[in-house]
């Protein structure tokens, strides 16, 4: 059995290894097909190459489009700038053409309204007209005394104008009071409290006076010797209150033409009423507020007319109006009694010469910014400065600094202060005893 099975297996193997005889053409075709058919690696490489090429081409196209987009954005930006410039030039040219084609207008003043449509107006040239009003103009603002613009041909009111203000009043407004705190004013704590109660409190909290049922003060008079800080107090008030501040030098109001000084007073108070809250500070009020007398020259009578206009404006104030008056003088004895009466100047605040404690405070304030070396005995300096005012004490600090400069030092020592106060003491004696004549200063 085993031999038979072995012989059968050998026979099968012989059958498998038996050669197959086919035609020559068939064999050649099969060989050509095997040669023509690519290998699997070659097929993969051929399919990858077109995808890389397409990707590179797409990236290059994207970059080109991005550059084109940036160039177009830059061109659009330039075109927009040119358009903006052209619009500005067009509007400017249009305004120039309108100004060349426009006709001048007349300035007038409303006397009184006749009815809802017509008003009596006085032109600047003098004649009076009954005119109409433009529909866009607010007729409630066209009260008596309002300045208006009239059309040249129809005399129709085109618009309302603000109140006429003298340039001198604008110069009063634009004077800077400086940044001064109450702590920079030494030795006047009681005077500062009274001034703030009279000026600052009615402006900031008027309801307190209404609640109590009293009328707030209209004005304050600051009087005292020269150099004691009257103007400094007014500047401190102006720096610490959010209000308009008009600083008036009384001697500058007087004009050589009759009526001009009174007109300036009216415009000053009118401007203050239109720009409330406002503080008017009149320094050296004795220049126009002197006592009136029957005899005198035409210049004296002009000063008296100015004073009467000032009294009239003070009486015309609203009791709780936010316009307050501060006057300062070192000659209260020459002022007119009508100016000093309550209702015009309700409070009179004396600014005296500082005592020893006040002199100490003032001297420390002025010496705070000075470079010092060693200990400064302010008590000794203050004792020698008997009768000095605030301006004199500031001069002591200045003279001490000058002494340090002469000694080629960049700091001040105690001896400099002592030299300065002795020097100014001699000058104070000269002020009180010297006779100012042609021989002053000669031996």
Foldseek 3Di string as FASTA:
>chain_A
DVVVVVVVVVVVVCVVPDDDDDDPVVVVVVVVVVVPDDDPVVVVVVVPVVVVVVVVVVVVVVVVVVVVVVVVVVVVVVVVVVVVVVVVVVVVVVVVVCVVPDDDWWKWFFAAADDPFWTWIATPVGDIDIEGEDPPEDVVPRHGGWIFIAHPPRGYTDYTDDDDADVVQVVQQPDQLDQDAPLLQFQCVVVLVVVCQQAVCLQPPVVVCVVVVHFGAAEEEEEEAPQFQQSVSVSNVVNVDPFTEGEAEVLVLQDPDAPSSLVNLVNNLVVCQVGPLYEYEYEACCNLFFADDDDDDPSSVSSPVNNVSLLVSLQPDDRSRNYHYYYYHHCPVGGYVSCVDGSRHPYYDYRYAHDLVRLLSLLCSLCVPFAADDDADVSVLSVLQPPDHSVLSNQLNVQQCVVCVVVVHRHGYNVSSVVSSVVVVVVVVCVVPPDDDPCPPPD
